[in-house]
Amino acid sequence: MLLRAESLAATHSIAATVASLARAGDVIVLAGDMGAGKTAFAQGFGRALGITEPITSPTFTLVHSYPVPGRRLTLHHADLYRLDRTGDIDDLALAELAEFDGIVLIEWGDVAGGAIGDHLEVRLGADHDDEFADLDADGDVADGDVDGGVDDDGDDDRHDHDDVGLDEQRVVELAASGPGWAGRWDRLVSELAGYRC
């Protein structure tokens, strides 16, 4: 499903809709180039869950965890940018974090390939990005894949420039991998209809 976010507020709104349908055990991969809005998406997602502490990119600590107020739920925000091997990803035990009343957002999670398992991918990019050039009239990738994206802002050196351009139009592509989102997909599509390209 291909969406258009015309502002940072729209990116946050899309993230909030995804958060409203997310549940413990979910893994959500945030993909896209540096500065695409991955951390901005995470911030909107966390805010929608009621998290009030600042959500920043966990580039150096790899995982930040945020208890969700009033719920037995924790949002785990991971960043795989600095990891070189799939074994390093396994060492983070992200699947286990999801299993124990957690939702896991993984920036740069697409580098892990199939190691992540069942997940929702959110791919973010500028409206003119070449990675979205092969879409059919419905906004789906021509080969049938559905994926999407929104990207980053944060406070470490890698993301210092990421606030630049966040008011530009963004393309957000959502794709479910595995059965986890199958029962929620139609509702997700319906609730995000106003952002469809």
N, C-alpha and C. Protein backbone atom coordinates (compact mmCIF):
# COMPACT_ATOMS: atom_id res chain seq x y z
N MET A 1 0.86 -1.17 0.00
CA MET A 1 0.00 0.00 0.00
C MET A 1 0.90 1.23 0.00
N LEU A 2 0.68 2.11 -0.94
CA LEU A 2 1.49 3.30 -1.09
C LEU A 2 0.73 4.52 -0.60
N LEU A 3 1.38 5.30 0.27
CA LEU A 3 0.76 6.47 0.88
C LEU A 3 1.62 7.70 0.60
N ARG A 4 0.99 8.86 0.72
CA ARG A 4 1.74 10.11 0.60
C ARG A 4 1.54 10.91 1.88
N ALA A 5 2.66 11.31 2.49
CA ALA A 5 2.64 12.17 3.67
C ALA A 5 3.19 13.52 3.25
N GLU A 6 2.37 14.56 3.32
CA GLU A 6 2.78 15.87 2.82
C GLU A 6 3.47 16.72 3.87
N SER A 7 3.59 16.21 5.09
CA SER A 7 4.23 16.97 6.17
C SER A 7 4.66 16.01 7.26
N LEU A 8 5.42 16.52 8.21
CA LEU A 8 5.80 15.74 9.37
C LEU A 8 4.56 15.31 10.15
N ALA A 9 3.58 16.21 10.25
CA ALA A 9 2.33 15.89 10.96
C ALA A 9 1.62 14.71 10.30
N ALA A 10 1.66 14.66 8.97
CA ALA A 10 1.02 13.54 8.25
C ALA A 10 1.77 12.24 8.51
N THR A 11 3.11 12.31 8.56
CA THR A 11 3.91 11.13 8.88
C THR A 11 3.54 10.62 10.27
N HIS A 12 3.42 11.55 11.23
CA HIS A 12 3.02 11.17 12.59
C HIS A 12 1.62 10.57 12.60
N SER A 13 0.73 11.10 11.81
CA SER A 13 -0.64 10.59 11.75
C SER A 13 -0.68 9.17 11.19
N ILE A 14 0.09 8.90 10.15
CA ILE A 14 0.17 7.55 9.59
C ILE A 14 0.73 6.60 10.64
N ALA A 15 1.78 7.05 11.33
CA ALA A 15 2.38 6.23 12.38
C ALA A 15 1.38 5.94 13.49
N ALA A 16 0.58 6.94 13.85
CA ALA A 16 -0.43 6.77 14.90
C ALA A 16 -1.48 5.75 14.50
N THR A 17 -1.85 5.74 13.22
CA THR A 17 -2.82 4.76 12.75
C THR A 17 -2.25 3.35 12.85
N VAL A 18 -0.99 3.19 12.45
CA VAL A 18 -0.34 1.88 12.58
C VAL A 18 -0.27 1.48 14.05
N ALA A 19 0.09 2.43 14.92
CA ALA A 19 0.18 2.15 16.35
C ALA A 19 -1.16 1.73 16.93
N SER A 20 -2.25 2.30 16.43
CA SER A 20 -3.58 1.98 16.97
C SER A 20 -3.96 0.53 16.68
N LEU A 21 -3.35 -0.05 15.67
CA LEU A 21 -3.65 -1.44 15.30
C LEU A 21 -2.56 -2.42 15.74
N ALA A 22 -1.45 -1.88 16.23
CA ALA A 22 -0.35 -2.74 16.67
C ALA A 22 -0.69 -3.40 17.99
N ARG A 23 -0.06 -4.55 18.23
CA ARG A 23 -0.30 -5.28 19.48
C ARG A 23 1.00 -5.94 19.93
N ALA A 24 1.01 -6.36 21.17
CA ALA A 24 2.19 -7.03 21.71
C ALA A 24 2.57 -8.20 20.81
N GLY A 25 3.86 -8.32 20.55
CA GLY A 25 4.37 -9.37 19.69
C GLY A 25 4.68 -8.89 18.28
N ASP A 26 4.25 -7.67 17.94
CA ASP A 26 4.50 -7.15 16.59
C ASP A 26 5.93 -6.69 16.42
N VAL A 27 6.46 -6.92 15.23
CA VAL A 27 7.74 -6.37 14.81
C VAL A 27 7.45 -5.51 13.59
N ILE A 28 7.93 -4.27 13.63
CA ILE A 28 7.71 -3.32 12.53
C ILE A 28 9.07 -2.83 12.07
N VAL A 29 9.37 -3.09 10.80
CA VAL A 29 10.64 -2.71 10.20
C VAL A 29 10.48 -1.33 9.56
N LEU A 30 11.36 -0.41 9.91
CA LEU A 30 11.36 0.93 9.33
C LEU A 30 12.53 1.01 8.36
N ALA A 31 12.23 1.18 7.08
CA ALA A 31 13.25 1.16 6.04
C ALA A 31 13.25 2.48 5.29
N GLY A 32 14.37 2.76 4.63
CA GLY A 32 14.50 3.98 3.84
C GLY A 32 15.87 4.57 4.02
N ASP A 33 16.22 5.47 3.14
CA ASP A 33 17.54 6.09 3.20
C ASP A 33 17.67 6.96 4.45
N MET A 34 18.91 7.35 4.74
CA MET A 34 19.16 8.24 5.86
C MET A 34 18.39 9.54 5.64
N GLY A 35 17.70 10.00 6.67
CA GLY A 35 16.93 11.23 6.57
C GLY A 35 15.54 11.06 6.00
N ALA A 36 15.11 9.83 5.77
CA ALA A 36 13.81 9.60 5.14
C ALA A 36 12.65 9.78 6.11
N GLY A 37 12.89 9.65 7.41
CA GLY A 37 11.83 9.84 8.39
C GLY A 37 11.58 8.66 9.30
N LYS A 38 12.51 7.72 9.40
CA LYS A 38 12.30 6.53 10.22
C LYS A 38 12.10 6.89 11.70
N THR A 39 12.97 7.73 12.21
CA THR A 39 12.84 8.11 13.62
C THR A 39 11.60 8.98 13.82
N ALA A 40 11.29 9.83 12.84
CA ALA A 40 10.06 10.63 12.93
C ALA A 40 8.84 9.72 13.02
N PHE A 41 8.84 8.65 12.24
CA PHE A 41 7.75 7.68 12.29
C PHE A 41 7.70 7.05 13.68
N ALA A 42 8.86 6.65 14.21
CA ALA A 42 8.92 6.05 15.55
C ALA A 42 8.38 7.00 16.60
N GLN A 43 8.69 8.29 16.46
CA GLN A 43 8.21 9.29 17.42
C GLN A 43 6.69 9.40 17.37
N GLY A 44 6.12 9.44 16.18
CA GLY A 44 4.67 9.50 16.05
C GLY A 44 4.00 8.24 16.57
N PHE A 45 4.63 7.11 16.35
CA PHE A 45 4.13 5.82 16.83
C PHE A 45 4.12 5.80 18.36
N GLY A 46 5.24 6.20 18.96
CA GLY A 46 5.34 6.21 20.41
C GLY A 46 4.38 7.17 21.07
N ARG A 47 4.24 8.36 20.47
CA ARG A 47 3.30 9.36 21.00
C ARG A 47 1.88 8.82 21.01
N ALA A 48 1.53 8.10 19.94
CA ALA A 48 0.18 7.54 19.84
C ALA A 48 -0.08 6.49 20.92
N LEU A 49 0.98 5.84 21.38
CA LEU A 49 0.84 4.86 22.46
C LEU A 49 0.80 5.53 23.83
N GLY A 50 1.07 6.83 23.88
CA GLY A 50 1.05 7.56 25.15
C GLY A 50 2.42 7.75 25.77
N ILE A 51 3.48 7.44 25.04
CA ILE A 51 4.84 7.63 25.56
C ILE A 51 5.18 9.11 25.47
N THR A 52 5.58 9.68 26.60
CA THR A 52 5.86 11.12 26.64
C THR A 52 7.35 11.43 26.65
N GLU A 53 8.19 10.46 26.99
CA GLU A 53 9.62 10.76 26.99
C GLU A 53 10.12 10.83 25.55
N PRO A 54 11.18 11.61 25.30
CA PRO A 54 11.66 11.78 23.94
C PRO A 54 12.12 10.45 23.32
N ILE A 55 11.71 10.21 22.10
CA ILE A 55 12.15 9.02 21.37
C ILE A 55 13.22 9.46 20.38
N THR A 56 14.42 8.94 20.57
CA THR A 56 15.55 9.28 19.70
C THR A 56 16.11 8.01 19.09
N SER A 57 16.86 8.16 18.02
CA SER A 57 17.41 7.00 17.35
C SER A 57 18.45 6.32 18.23
N PRO A 58 18.33 5.00 18.45
CA PRO A 58 19.26 4.28 19.31
C PRO A 58 20.49 3.78 18.54
N THR A 59 21.12 4.65 17.78
CA THR A 59 22.22 4.24 16.91
C THR A 59 23.37 3.61 17.68
N PHE A 60 23.73 4.18 18.82
CA PHE A 60 24.89 3.69 19.55
C PHE A 60 24.54 2.68 20.63
N THR A 61 23.35 2.80 21.21
CA THR A 61 22.93 1.83 22.23
C THR A 61 22.21 0.64 21.60
N LEU A 62 21.85 0.74 20.34
CA LEU A 62 21.18 -0.29 19.54
C LEU A 62 19.70 -0.48 19.85
N VAL A 63 19.32 -0.44 21.14
CA VAL A 63 17.90 -0.60 21.49
C VAL A 63 17.56 0.35 22.64
N HIS A 64 16.47 1.11 22.47
CA HIS A 64 15.89 1.89 23.56
C HIS A 64 14.53 1.25 23.88
N SER A 65 14.20 1.16 25.15
CA SER A 65 12.91 0.59 25.56
C SER A 65 12.09 1.63 26.32
N TYR A 66 10.80 1.69 25.97
CA TYR A 66 9.89 2.68 26.55
C TYR A 66 8.64 1.97 27.08
N PRO A 67 8.46 1.91 28.39
CA PRO A 67 7.21 1.35 28.91
C PRO A 67 6.03 2.22 28.48
N VAL A 68 4.94 1.58 28.09
CA VAL A 68 3.74 2.30 27.67
C VAL A 68 2.91 2.58 28.92
N PRO A 69 2.64 3.85 29.22
CA PRO A 69 1.91 4.19 30.44
C PRO A 69 0.53 3.52 30.50
N GLY A 70 0.24 2.95 31.67
CA GLY A 70 -1.08 2.37 31.91
C GLY A 70 -1.34 1.04 31.23
N ARG A 71 -0.34 0.48 30.58
CA ARG A 71 -0.52 -0.79 29.88
C ARG A 71 0.66 -1.72 30.18
N ARG A 72 0.39 -2.98 30.10
CA ARG A 72 1.48 -3.96 30.25
C ARG A 72 2.08 -4.18 28.87
N LEU A 73 2.81 -3.18 28.40
CA LEU A 73 3.35 -3.16 27.05
C LEU A 73 4.60 -2.29 27.04
N THR A 74 5.61 -2.71 26.29
CA THR A 74 6.84 -1.93 26.14
C THR A 74 7.13 -1.75 24.66
N LEU A 75 7.45 -0.53 24.27
CA LEU A 75 7.90 -0.25 22.92
C LEU A 75 9.42 -0.33 22.92
N HIS A 76 9.96 -1.21 22.09
CA HIS A 76 11.40 -1.35 21.92
C HIS A 76 11.77 -0.76 20.56
N HIS A 77 12.69 0.18 20.56
CA HIS A 77 13.09 0.88 19.33
C HIS A 77 14.55 0.52 19.06
N ALA A 78 14.77 -0.23 17.99
CA ALA A 78 16.12 -0.71 17.66
C ALA A 78 16.63 -0.04 16.40
N ASP A 79 17.95 0.01 16.28
CA ASP A 79 18.60 0.57 15.09
C ASP A 79 19.73 -0.38 14.70
N LEU A 80 19.63 -0.96 13.51
CA LEU A 80 20.61 -1.96 13.06
C LEU A 80 21.68 -1.36 12.15
N TYR A 81 21.73 -0.05 12.03
CA TYR A 81 22.63 0.61 11.09
C TYR A 81 24.08 0.18 11.27
N ARG A 82 24.52 0.03 12.50
CA ARG A 82 25.93 -0.26 12.77
C ARG A 82 26.26 -1.75 12.80
N LEU A 83 25.28 -2.61 12.63
CA LEU A 83 25.54 -4.04 12.70
C LEU A 83 25.98 -4.59 11.35
N ASP A 84 27.00 -5.45 11.38
CA ASP A 84 27.56 -5.99 10.14
C ASP A 84 27.11 -7.39 9.83
N ARG A 85 26.73 -8.14 10.84
CA ARG A 85 26.44 -9.55 10.62
C ARG A 85 25.08 -9.91 11.17
N THR A 86 24.44 -10.91 10.55
CA THR A 86 23.16 -11.40 11.04
C THR A 86 23.29 -11.91 12.46
N GLY A 87 24.44 -12.49 12.80
CA GLY A 87 24.67 -12.97 14.17
C GLY A 87 24.56 -11.86 15.19
N ASP A 88 25.02 -10.66 14.82
CA ASP A 88 24.90 -9.50 15.72
C ASP A 88 23.43 -9.17 15.97
N ILE A 89 22.63 -9.31 14.92
CA ILE A 89 21.20 -9.05 15.05
C ILE A 89 20.57 -10.08 15.97
N ASP A 90 20.95 -11.34 15.81
CA ASP A 90 20.43 -12.40 16.68
C ASP A 90 20.76 -12.12 18.14
N ASP A 91 21.94 -11.56 18.39
CA ASP A 91 22.36 -11.27 19.77
C ASP A 91 21.46 -10.24 20.45
N LEU A 92 20.78 -9.42 19.67
CA LEU A 92 19.88 -8.41 20.26
C LEU A 92 18.59 -9.02 20.79
N ALA A 93 18.29 -10.26 20.38
CA ALA A 93 17.09 -10.98 20.86
C ALA A 93 15.81 -10.16 20.65
N LEU A 94 15.67 -9.57 19.47
CA LEU A 94 14.51 -8.73 19.19
C LEU A 94 13.20 -9.52 19.22
N ALA A 95 13.24 -10.76 18.73
CA ALA A 95 12.03 -11.59 18.75
C ALA A 95 11.58 -11.84 20.18
N GLU A 96 12.53 -12.05 21.08
CA GLU A 96 12.18 -12.27 22.48
C GLU A 96 11.59 -11.01 23.11
N LEU A 97 12.10 -9.84 22.73
CA LEU A 97 11.54 -8.59 23.24
C LEU A 97 10.08 -8.45 22.82
N ALA A 98 9.78 -8.86 21.60
CA ALA A 98 8.40 -8.80 21.12
C ALA A 98 7.51 -9.79 21.87
N GLU A 99 8.05 -10.97 22.16
CA GLU A 99 7.25 -12.01 22.81
C GLU A 99 6.78 -11.63 24.20
N PHE A 100 7.59 -10.86 24.91
CA PHE A 100 7.26 -10.53 26.30
C PHE A 100 6.61 -9.14 26.37
N ASP A 101 5.35 -9.09 25.90
CA ASP A 101 4.56 -7.86 25.96
C ASP A 101 5.26 -6.67 25.32
N GLY A 102 5.91 -6.91 24.19
CA GLY A 102 6.61 -5.84 23.51
C GLY A 102 6.17 -5.65 22.07
N ILE A 103 6.33 -4.42 21.59
CA ILE A 103 6.26 -4.10 20.17
C ILE A 103 7.66 -3.61 19.82
N VAL A 104 8.21 -4.12 18.72
CA VAL A 104 9.57 -3.77 18.34
C VAL A 104 9.56 -3.01 17.02
N LEU A 105 10.08 -1.77 17.05
CA LEU A 105 10.31 -0.98 15.85
C LEU A 105 11.79 -1.10 15.51
N ILE A 106 12.12 -1.47 14.27
CA ILE A 106 13.51 -1.69 13.91
C ILE A 106 13.90 -0.79 12.74
N GLU A 107 14.69 0.26 13.04
CA GLU A 107 15.23 1.08 11.97
C GLU A 107 16.33 0.30 11.26
N TRP A 108 16.39 0.45 9.94
CA TRP A 108 17.35 -0.27 9.10
C TRP A 108 17.15 -1.78 9.21
N GLY A 109 15.95 -2.21 9.58
CA GLY A 109 15.68 -3.63 9.73
C GLY A 109 15.71 -4.40 8.42
N ASP A 110 15.56 -3.67 7.30
CA ASP A 110 15.59 -4.35 6.02
C ASP A 110 16.96 -4.95 5.71
N VAL A 111 18.02 -4.50 6.40
CA VAL A 111 19.35 -5.08 6.16
C VAL A 111 19.43 -6.51 6.69
N ALA A 112 18.50 -6.89 7.55
CA ALA A 112 18.52 -8.23 8.14
C ALA A 112 17.90 -9.27 7.23
N GLY A 113 17.28 -8.81 6.14
CA GLY A 113 16.68 -9.76 5.21
C GLY A 113 15.62 -10.59 5.88
N GLY A 114 15.64 -11.91 5.64
CA GLY A 114 14.64 -12.82 6.17
C GLY A 114 14.82 -13.16 7.63
N ALA A 115 15.87 -12.65 8.28
CA ALA A 115 16.15 -13.00 9.67
C ALA A 115 15.11 -12.45 10.63
N ILE A 116 14.30 -11.49 10.21
CA ILE A 116 13.35 -10.84 11.11
C ILE A 116 12.07 -11.66 11.25
N GLY A 117 11.68 -12.40 10.25
CA GLY A 117 10.45 -13.18 10.32
C GLY A 117 9.22 -12.32 10.07
N ASP A 118 8.11 -12.71 10.70
CA ASP A 118 6.82 -12.04 10.52
C ASP A 118 6.94 -10.57 10.95
N HIS A 119 6.58 -9.64 10.05
CA HIS A 119 6.69 -8.22 10.39
C HIS A 119 5.88 -7.37 9.42
N LEU A 120 5.71 -6.13 9.79
CA LEU A 120 5.16 -5.10 8.91
C LEU A 120 6.33 -4.22 8.51
N GLU A 121 6.51 -4.00 7.21
CA GLU A 121 7.57 -3.09 6.77
C GLU A 121 6.96 -1.75 6.41
N VAL A 122 7.60 -0.71 6.90
CA VAL A 122 7.22 0.67 6.59
C VAL A 122 8.44 1.28 5.89
N ARG A 123 8.32 1.52 4.59
CA ARG A 123 9.44 2.08 3.82
C ARG A 123 9.12 3.54 3.51
N LEU A 124 10.04 4.41 3.91
CA LEU A 124 9.85 5.84 3.74
C LEU A 124 10.84 6.40 2.72
N GLY A 125 10.41 7.40 2.00
CA GLY A 125 11.32 8.05 1.06
C GLY A 125 10.73 9.35 0.56
N ALA A 126 11.60 10.13 -0.09
CA ALA A 126 11.13 11.36 -0.72
C ALA A 126 10.22 10.99 -1.87
N ASP A 127 9.30 11.87 -2.18
CA ASP A 127 8.29 11.58 -3.20
C ASP A 127 8.92 11.27 -4.55
N HIS A 128 10.12 11.76 -4.81
CA HIS A 128 10.75 11.56 -6.11
C HIS A 128 11.72 10.38 -6.11
N ASP A 129 11.84 9.63 -4.99
CA ASP A 129 12.83 8.55 -4.91
C ASP A 129 12.64 7.51 -6.00
N ASP A 130 13.76 7.08 -6.57
CA ASP A 130 13.73 6.05 -7.62
C ASP A 130 13.16 4.74 -7.11
N GLU A 131 13.32 4.43 -5.81
CA GLU A 131 12.84 3.15 -5.30
C GLU A 131 11.33 3.01 -5.41
N PHE A 132 10.62 4.11 -5.65
CA PHE A 132 9.18 4.05 -5.81
C PHE A 132 8.75 4.22 -7.26
N ALA A 133 9.70 4.19 -8.17
CA ALA A 133 9.41 4.48 -9.58
C ALA A 133 8.66 3.36 -10.28
N ASP A 134 8.76 2.13 -9.81
CA ASP A 134 8.16 0.98 -10.49
C ASP A 134 6.81 0.59 -9.89
N LEU A 135 6.01 1.55 -9.51
CA LEU A 135 4.71 1.28 -8.91
C LEU A 135 3.63 1.27 -9.98
N ASP A 136 2.64 0.39 -9.77
CA ASP A 136 1.53 0.36 -10.72
C ASP A 136 0.50 1.43 -10.34
N ALA A 137 -0.61 1.48 -11.06
CA ALA A 137 -1.59 2.54 -10.86
C ALA A 137 -2.22 2.53 -9.48
N ASP A 138 -2.22 1.37 -8.80
CA ASP A 138 -2.79 1.28 -7.46
C ASP A 138 -1.78 1.66 -6.38
N GLY A 139 -0.55 1.98 -6.80
CA GLY A 139 0.47 2.31 -5.81
C GLY A 139 1.14 1.09 -5.24
N ASP A 140 0.98 -0.05 -5.88
CA ASP A 140 1.65 -1.26 -5.43
C ASP A 140 2.86 -1.52 -6.31
N VAL A 141 3.87 -2.18 -5.74
CA VAL A 141 5.05 -2.52 -6.52
C VAL A 141 4.63 -3.50 -7.61
N ALA A 142 5.16 -3.31 -8.80
CA ALA A 142 4.73 -4.07 -9.96
C ALA A 142 4.83 -5.58 -9.76
N ASP A 143 5.81 -6.04 -8.98
CA ASP A 143 5.95 -7.49 -8.81
C ASP A 143 5.05 -8.05 -7.72
N GLY A 144 4.20 -7.21 -7.13
CA GLY A 144 3.24 -7.69 -6.14
C GLY A 144 3.65 -7.46 -4.70
N ASP A 145 4.89 -7.05 -4.45
CA ASP A 145 5.32 -6.78 -3.08
C ASP A 145 4.64 -5.50 -2.61
N VAL A 146 4.40 -5.42 -1.32
CA VAL A 146 3.87 -4.19 -0.74
C VAL A 146 4.80 -3.81 0.38
N ASP A 147 5.40 -2.64 0.28
CA ASP A 147 6.24 -2.19 1.38
C ASP A 147 6.17 -0.69 1.45
N GLY A 148 6.81 -0.07 2.45
CA GLY A 148 6.64 1.35 2.58
C GLY A 148 7.69 1.99 3.43
N GLY A 149 7.60 3.32 3.61
CA GLY A 149 8.61 3.94 4.40
C GLY A 149 8.36 5.35 4.82
N VAL A 150 8.88 5.69 5.99
CA VAL A 150 8.95 7.05 6.53
C VAL A 150 10.25 7.10 7.31
N ASP A 151 11.02 8.20 7.32
CA ASP A 151 12.31 8.15 8.01
C ASP A 151 12.61 9.25 8.98
N ASP A 152 13.81 9.47 9.30
CA ASP A 152 14.46 9.81 10.54
C ASP A 152 14.67 11.25 10.98
N ASP A 153 14.59 11.45 12.26
CA ASP A 153 15.24 12.57 12.89
C ASP A 153 15.67 12.09 14.26
N GLY A 154 16.71 12.66 14.81
CA GLY A 154 17.22 12.17 16.08
C GLY A 154 18.28 13.12 16.57
N ASP A 155 19.03 12.68 17.60
CA ASP A 155 19.95 13.63 18.19
C ASP A 155 21.40 13.19 18.14
N ASP A 156 21.74 12.09 17.48
CA ASP A 156 23.13 11.72 17.40
C ASP A 156 23.72 12.24 16.10
N ASP A 157 25.03 12.10 15.92
CA ASP A 157 25.71 12.67 14.77
C ASP A 157 25.17 12.14 13.45
N ARG A 158 24.80 10.88 13.41
CA ARG A 158 24.34 10.30 12.16
C ARG A 158 23.05 10.94 11.69
N HIS A 159 22.25 11.45 12.62
CA HIS A 159 20.94 11.98 12.27
C HIS A 159 20.84 13.50 12.40
N ASP A 160 21.99 14.17 12.57
CA ASP A 160 21.92 15.61 12.80
C ASP A 160 21.22 16.35 11.67
N HIS A 161 21.32 15.86 10.45
CA HIS A 161 20.74 16.56 9.31
C HIS A 161 19.31 16.10 9.03
N ASP A 162 18.78 15.19 9.81
CA ASP A 162 17.55 14.52 9.43
C ASP A 162 16.31 15.38 9.56
N ASP A 163 16.36 16.48 10.30
CA ASP A 163 15.20 17.37 10.34
C ASP A 163 15.04 18.11 9.02
N VAL A 164 16.11 18.23 8.27
CA VAL A 164 16.06 18.93 7.00
C VAL A 164 15.17 18.16 6.04
N GLY A 165 14.20 18.83 5.47
CA GLY A 165 13.37 18.20 4.45
C GLY A 165 12.18 17.43 4.98
N LEU A 166 11.98 17.37 6.30
CA LEU A 166 10.86 16.58 6.79
C LEU A 166 9.51 17.21 6.44
N ASP A 167 9.50 18.48 6.06
CA ASP A 167 8.25 19.08 5.62
C ASP A 167 7.99 18.81 4.14
N GLU A 168 8.97 18.20 3.47
CA GLU A 168 8.77 17.83 2.08
C GLU A 168 7.82 16.63 2.02
N GLN A 169 7.23 16.48 0.86
CA GLN A 169 6.32 15.36 0.67
C GLN A 169 7.09 14.04 0.74
N ARG A 170 6.54 13.08 1.47
CA ARG A 170 7.15 11.76 1.63
C ARG A 170 6.22 10.70 1.08
N VAL A 171 6.82 9.64 0.63
CA VAL A 171 6.07 8.46 0.22
C VAL A 171 6.29 7.41 1.31
N VAL A 172 5.21 6.78 1.73
CA VAL A 172 5.27 5.74 2.75
C VAL A 172 4.64 4.49 2.16
N GLU A 173 5.40 3.42 2.12
CA GLU A 173 4.88 2.18 1.57
C GLU A 173 4.83 1.14 2.69
N LEU A 174 3.67 0.50 2.83
CA LEU A 174 3.48 -0.52 3.86
C LEU A 174 3.36 -1.89 3.21
N ALA A 175 4.01 -2.88 3.82
CA ALA A 175 3.92 -4.25 3.32
C ALA A 175 3.96 -5.21 4.49
N ALA A 176 3.08 -6.18 4.48
CA ALA A 176 3.07 -7.21 5.52
C ALA A 176 3.84 -8.42 5.03
N SER A 177 4.70 -8.96 5.89
CA SER A 177 5.45 -10.16 5.59
C SER A 177 5.09 -11.20 6.64
N GLY A 178 4.42 -12.26 6.24
CA GLY A 178 3.94 -13.25 7.19
C GLY A 178 2.49 -12.98 7.57
N PRO A 179 1.92 -13.86 8.38
CA PRO A 179 0.48 -13.78 8.67
C PRO A 179 0.08 -12.79 9.77
N GLY A 180 1.03 -12.22 10.48
CA GLY A 180 0.72 -11.41 11.66
C GLY A 180 -0.23 -10.26 11.43
N TRP A 181 -0.15 -9.60 10.28
CA TRP A 181 -1.01 -8.44 10.00
C TRP A 181 -2.18 -8.79 9.10
N ALA A 182 -2.31 -10.05 8.71
CA ALA A 182 -3.36 -10.43 7.76
C ALA A 182 -4.75 -10.05 8.26
N GLY A 183 -5.06 -10.30 9.52
CA GLY A 183 -6.38 -10.01 10.07
C GLY A 183 -6.63 -8.54 10.28
N ARG A 184 -5.58 -7.73 10.23
CA ARG A 184 -5.70 -6.28 10.46
C ARG A 184 -5.48 -5.47 9.19
N TRP A 185 -5.07 -6.13 8.12
CA TRP A 185 -4.67 -5.42 6.90
C TRP A 185 -5.81 -4.58 6.31
N ASP A 186 -6.99 -5.19 6.18
CA ASP A 186 -8.11 -4.45 5.58
C ASP A 186 -8.47 -3.21 6.39
N ARG A 187 -8.42 -3.32 7.70
CA ARG A 187 -8.71 -2.16 8.54
C ARG A 187 -7.63 -1.11 8.39
N LEU A 188 -6.37 -1.55 8.30
CA LEU A 188 -5.27 -0.61 8.11
C LEU A 188 -5.44 0.14 6.79
N VAL A 189 -5.77 -0.59 5.73
CA VAL A 189 -6.00 0.03 4.42
C VAL A 189 -7.14 1.04 4.50
N SER A 190 -8.22 0.66 5.17
CA SER A 190 -9.38 1.53 5.29
C SER A 190 -9.04 2.81 6.05
N GLU A 191 -8.35 2.67 7.17
CA GLU A 191 -8.06 3.82 8.02
C GLU A 191 -7.03 4.76 7.41
N LEU A 192 -6.22 4.26 6.47
CA LEU A 192 -5.22 5.09 5.83
C LEU A 192 -5.64 5.54 4.42
N ALA A 193 -6.90 5.31 4.08
CA ALA A 193 -7.37 5.60 2.73
C ALA A 193 -7.14 7.06 2.33
N GLY A 194 -7.21 7.97 3.25
CA GLY A 194 -7.04 9.38 2.94
C GLY A 194 -5.62 9.74 2.53
N TYR A 195 -4.67 8.84 2.77
CA TYR A 195 -3.27 9.10 2.41
C TYR A 195 -2.84 8.34 1.16
N ARG A 196 -3.76 7.53 0.58
CA ARG A 196 -3.38 6.71 -0.59
C ARG A 196 -2.95 7.61 -1.75
N CYS A 197 -1.93 7.16 -2.47
CA CYS A 197 -1.46 7.88 -3.66
C CYS A 197 -2.43 7.64 -4.81
